[in-house]
Amino acid sequence: MTADSTWAKLGAIVTRTGYVLLDFDGPVCSIFAGLPAPTVADQLRKLFAADQLPDHVKNSPDPIELFIHAGEVSSELAARVEAEMTDLEVAAVATAKPTAYVHEVLAACRESGRTVAVVSNNSVRAVNAYLDRHSLSDGVALVVARSSHDPALLKPSPHLIEIAVEKLDADPAATTLVGDSLTDIVAAHRAGIASIGYSNKPGKQERMTELQAGAVITSMSDLALSLCSHPLPY
């Protein structure tokens, strides 16, 4: 796909987008930059009995995968894992690394009259702590993030997106999710809104394109420029 084609697809989405939903870990920051996700996963594994860890979970570096598995074991275990994961995410905020150009994206949304929300599988406590720490709260109208120990409510479920759309009183046709994971693209499709994939690692662009993301960017600067270049038609 050519750069001109990518820019055209991005512009077509941005032009009709009045509500920008940002995933947190990726588009906004790298939450586990200083406290690596595999370290968090190792901490969560301590909450499981030895016979509760099949091989794919025993070796997983992904905290969310352990949380999902905990929900398959029992609601009680899921609650313990979610609480520990929340504490670790909040601790990680101190060393989280801001994503380049996210401040420019928020400024472009503000200047063009667009509304921003954060929609995340990370805990609502961690998201709000990060936004406060980096003076971003004023640019975000709403945070819809993990507040339950039910893994089924997380993306790729459309649940969090649907809550955001309802609370913002947004038109789904004017709403776009920007996410860096395949689950974001799937969740956006299921919620009936547009999606912009943020390909921040090799291989993501092809997979996001296969999942029919509306557009795929490799830098948040692309989104900031497009927001500035395509004012809302209303």
Protein backbone atom coordinates (compact mmCIF):
# COMPACT_ATOMS: atom_id res chain seq x y z
CA MET A 1 0.00 0.00 0.00
CA THR A 2 1.41 3.40 -0.94
CA ALA A 3 1.87 6.30 1.46
CA ASP A 4 -0.69 8.30 -0.53
CA SER A 5 -3.24 5.50 -0.17
CA THR A 6 -2.63 5.23 3.57
CA TRP A 7 -3.00 9.00 4.00
CA ALA A 8 -6.24 9.00 1.96
CA LYS A 9 -7.75 6.20 4.05
CA LEU A 10 -6.74 7.91 7.27
CA GLY A 11 -8.17 11.22 6.09
CA ALA A 12 -11.48 9.63 5.09
CA ILE A 13 -11.89 8.24 8.60
CA VAL A 14 -10.72 11.36 10.43
CA THR A 15 -13.01 13.63 8.42
CA ARG A 16 -16.11 11.91 9.79
CA THR A 17 -14.74 11.35 13.31
CA GLY A 18 -15.98 13.60 16.07
CA TYR A 19 -15.18 11.14 18.87
CA VAL A 20 -11.69 9.68 19.16
CA LEU A 21 -11.32 6.66 21.44
CA LEU A 22 -7.70 5.95 22.34
CA ASP A 23 -6.48 2.64 23.65
CA PHE A 24 -4.13 3.30 26.57
CA ASP A 25 -1.12 0.98 26.46
CA GLY A 26 0.35 1.80 23.06
CA PRO A 27 -1.35 4.93 21.68
CA VAL A 28 -1.03 6.89 24.95
CA CYS A 29 2.00 5.33 26.64
CA SER A 30 4.02 2.20 27.22
CA ILE A 31 2.69 1.39 30.66
CA PHE A 32 5.21 -1.39 31.29
CA ALA A 33 8.30 0.46 30.03
CA GLY A 34 9.95 0.41 33.46
CA LEU A 35 8.11 -2.53 35.01
CA PRO A 36 8.12 -5.07 32.17
CA ALA A 37 4.95 -7.03 31.41
CA PRO A 38 6.77 -10.39 31.86
CA THR A 39 7.70 -9.31 35.41
CA VAL A 40 4.05 -8.48 36.09
CA ALA A 41 3.02 -11.84 34.65
CA ASP A 42 5.49 -13.62 36.93
CA GLN A 43 3.97 -11.88 39.94
CA LEU A 44 0.47 -12.92 38.89
CA ARG A 45 1.54 -16.54 38.40
CA LYS A 46 2.29 -16.73 42.13
CA LEU A 47 -1.46 -16.51 42.79
CA PHE A 48 -2.13 -19.77 40.94
CA ALA A 49 -1.72 -23.29 42.25
CA ALA A 50 0.77 -25.37 40.25
CA ASP A 51 -2.00 -27.50 38.74
CA GLN A 52 -3.85 -24.37 37.59
CA LEU A 53 -1.16 -23.38 35.06
CA PRO A 54 -1.21 -25.15 31.70
CA ASP A 55 1.91 -24.73 29.58
CA HIS A 56 0.63 -21.84 27.46
CA VAL A 57 -0.10 -19.84 30.62
CA LYS A 58 2.93 -21.05 32.57
CA ASN A 59 5.22 -19.39 30.03
CA SER A 60 3.10 -16.42 28.95
CA PRO A 61 4.60 -12.91 29.27
CA ASP A 62 1.14 -11.33 28.99
CA PRO A 63 -0.62 -10.35 32.25
CA ILE A 64 -3.99 -10.17 30.50
CA GLU A 65 -3.62 -13.77 29.35
CA LEU A 66 -3.14 -14.84 32.96
CA PHE A 67 -6.19 -12.82 33.98
CA ILE A 68 -8.28 -14.46 31.28
CA HIS A 69 -7.13 -17.90 32.42
CA ALA A 70 -7.90 -17.01 36.05
CA GLY A 71 -11.48 -16.31 35.00
CA GLU A 72 -11.65 -19.79 33.52
CA VAL A 73 -10.49 -21.28 36.84
CA SER A 74 -12.81 -19.38 39.20
CA SER A 75 -14.34 -15.99 39.84
CA GLU A 76 -12.51 -15.82 43.16
CA LEU A 77 -9.11 -16.35 41.54
CA ALA A 78 -9.95 -13.83 38.82
CA ALA A 79 -10.74 -11.25 41.49
CA ARG A 80 -7.39 -11.84 43.23
CA VAL A 81 -5.46 -11.67 39.97
CA GLU A 82 -7.27 -8.52 38.84
CA ALA A 83 -6.59 -6.77 42.16
CA GLU A 84 -2.89 -7.65 42.05
CA MET A 85 -2.64 -6.65 38.40
CA THR A 86 -4.24 -3.30 39.18
CA ASP A 87 -1.73 -2.61 41.96
CA LEU A 88 1.15 -3.49 39.64
CA GLU A 89 -0.22 -1.32 36.82
CA VAL A 90 -0.54 1.64 39.20
CA ALA A 91 3.05 1.06 40.35
CA ALA A 92 4.14 0.94 36.70
CA VAL A 93 2.74 4.43 36.05
CA ALA A 94 5.81 6.00 37.68
CA THR A 95 8.07 4.59 34.96
CA ALA A 96 5.63 4.48 32.03
CA LYS A 97 6.93 6.03 28.83
CA PRO A 98 4.71 8.51 26.94
CA THR A 99 4.05 7.65 23.31
CA ALA A 100 5.61 10.11 20.92
CA TYR A 101 3.14 12.70 19.57
CA VAL A 102 0.23 11.73 21.83
CA HIS A 103 0.24 15.26 23.26
CA GLU A 104 -0.02 16.60 19.70
CA VAL A 105 -2.95 14.26 19.02
CA LEU A 106 -4.81 15.55 22.07
CA ALA A 107 -4.05 19.15 21.13
CA ALA A 108 -5.28 18.56 17.57
CA CYS A 109 -8.50 17.03 18.87
CA ARG A 110 -9.07 19.95 21.20
CA GLU A 111 -8.38 22.55 18.54
CA SER A 112 -10.66 20.83 16.02
CA GLY A 113 -13.53 20.34 18.47
CA ARG A 114 -13.21 16.57 18.70
CA THR A 115 -13.92 14.66 21.91
CA VAL A 116 -11.35 12.21 23.27
CA ALA A 117 -11.91 9.19 25.51
CA VAL A 118 -9.53 6.48 26.67
CA VAL A 119 -10.88 2.94 26.34
CA SER A 120 -8.56 0.36 27.84
CA ASN A 121 -8.14 -3.18 29.14
CA ASN A 122 -5.82 -1.68 31.76
CA SER A 123 -7.27 -0.69 35.10
CA VAL A 124 -9.19 2.55 35.44
CA ARG A 125 -6.98 3.43 38.45
CA ALA A 126 -3.81 3.13 36.40
CA VAL A 127 -5.17 5.09 33.44
CA ASN A 128 -6.36 7.96 35.62
CA ALA A 129 -3.10 7.97 37.60
CA TYR A 130 -1.10 8.24 34.39
CA LEU A 131 -3.27 10.99 32.91
CA ASP A 132 -3.00 12.99 36.14
CA ARG A 133 0.76 12.48 36.39
CA HIS A 134 1.30 13.76 32.85
CA SER A 135 -1.29 16.57 32.99
CA LEU A 136 -3.44 14.96 30.30
CA SER A 137 -6.71 14.64 32.20
CA ASP A 138 -8.10 17.92 30.91
CA GLY A 139 -7.79 16.68 27.33
CA VAL A 140 -9.69 13.45 27.98
CA ALA A 141 -13.43 13.66 28.44
CA LEU A 142 -13.93 10.10 29.62
CA VAL A 143 -12.01 7.02 30.76
CA VAL A 144 -13.61 3.61 30.30
CA ALA A 145 -11.23 0.95 31.50
CA ARG A 146 -11.05 -2.28 33.49
CA SER A 147 -13.04 -2.05 36.71
CA SER A 148 -14.31 -5.62 36.98
CA HIS A 149 -12.78 -9.03 37.58
CA ASP A 150 -14.71 -10.46 34.63
CA PRO A 151 -12.24 -10.92 31.74
CA ALA A 152 -15.12 -11.38 29.29
CA LEU A 153 -15.80 -7.63 29.47
CA LEU A 154 -12.41 -6.70 28.02
CA LYS A 155 -11.60 -6.13 24.37
CA PRO A 156 -12.08 -7.88 21.92
CA SER A 157 -15.52 -7.67 23.51
CA PRO A 158 -17.24 -4.43 22.41
CA HIS A 159 -18.40 -3.84 26.00
CA LEU A 160 -16.02 -1.01 26.94
CA ILE A 161 -16.49 0.74 23.59
CA GLU A 162 -20.26 0.55 23.89
CA ILE A 163 -20.10 2.11 27.35
CA ALA A 164 -17.94 4.94 26.01
CA VAL A 165 -20.28 5.58 23.07
CA GLU A 166 -23.28 5.65 25.41
CA LYS A 167 -21.70 7.93 28.01
CA LEU A 168 -20.44 10.34 25.36
CA ASP A 169 -23.82 10.27 23.62
CA ALA A 170 -21.76 9.69 20.49
CA ASP A 171 -22.91 8.65 17.06
CA PRO A 172 -21.12 5.34 16.33
CA ALA A 173 -20.72 6.47 12.72
CA ALA A 174 -18.68 9.44 14.00
CA THR A 175 -16.60 7.40 16.45
CA THR A 176 -13.18 5.83 15.87
CA LEU A 177 -10.98 3.64 18.06
CA VAL A 178 -7.20 4.00 17.79
CA GLY A 179 -5.47 0.88 19.05
CA ASP A 180 -2.22 -1.01 18.79
CA SER A 181 -3.55 -4.55 19.24
CA LEU A 182 -5.54 -6.91 17.08
CA THR A 183 -8.16 -7.11 19.83
CA ASP A 184 -8.76 -3.36 19.39
CA ILE A 185 -9.56 -3.83 15.72
CA VAL A 186 -11.89 -6.74 16.44
CA ALA A 187 -13.64 -4.85 19.26
CA ALA A 188 -14.19 -1.82 17.02
CA HIS A 189 -15.76 -3.99 14.32
CA ARG A 190 -18.04 -5.63 16.88
CA ALA A 191 -19.10 -2.24 18.24
CA GLY A 192 -19.85 -0.90 14.77
CA ILE A 193 -17.29 1.91 14.82
CA ALA A 194 -14.24 2.73 12.70
CA SER A 195 -10.75 1.67 13.66
CA ILE A 196 -7.25 3.02 13.15
CA GLY A 197 -4.47 0.56 13.85
CA TYR A 198 -1.31 1.89 15.45
CA SER A 199 1.45 -0.41 14.18
CA ASN A 200 4.21 0.16 16.71
CA LYS A 201 5.95 -3.20 16.21
CA PRO A 202 7.04 -5.20 13.15
CA GLY A 203 4.35 -7.41 11.66
CA LYS A 204 1.39 -5.56 13.12
CA GLN A 205 0.62 -3.57 9.98
CA GLU A 206 0.00 -6.68 7.90
CA ARG A 207 -2.16 -8.34 10.56
CA MET A 208 -4.20 -5.20 11.15
CA THR A 209 -4.75 -4.82 7.44
CA GLU A 210 -5.92 -8.44 7.25
CA LEU A 211 -8.44 -7.66 10.02
CA GLN A 212 -9.67 -4.74 7.90
CA ALA A 213 -8.63 -1.86 10.10
CA GLY A 214 -9.90 1.31 8.45
CA ALA A 215 -6.36 2.67 8.29
CA VAL A 216 -3.00 1.73 9.80
CA ILE A 217 -0.43 4.25 11.02
CA THR A 218 3.13 3.73 12.22
CA SER A 219 3.41 6.96 14.22
CA MET A 220 0.91 8.98 16.20
CA SER A 221 2.27 12.00 14.33
CA ASP A 222 0.33 10.73 11.31
CA LEU A 223 -2.89 10.95 13.30
CA ALA A 224 -2.05 14.41 14.66
CA LEU A 225 -1.33 15.72 11.16
CA SER A 226 -4.50 14.22 9.75
CA LEU A 227 -6.62 15.70 12.54
CA CYS A 228 -5.17 19.12 11.79
CA SER A 229 -5.61 18.70 8.04
CA HIS A 230 -9.21 17.46 8.09
CA PRO A 231 -11.57 19.70 10.02
CA LEU A 232 -14.97 18.37 10.97
CA PRO A 233 -17.67 19.07 8.39
CA TYR A 234 -20.15 20.07 11.10
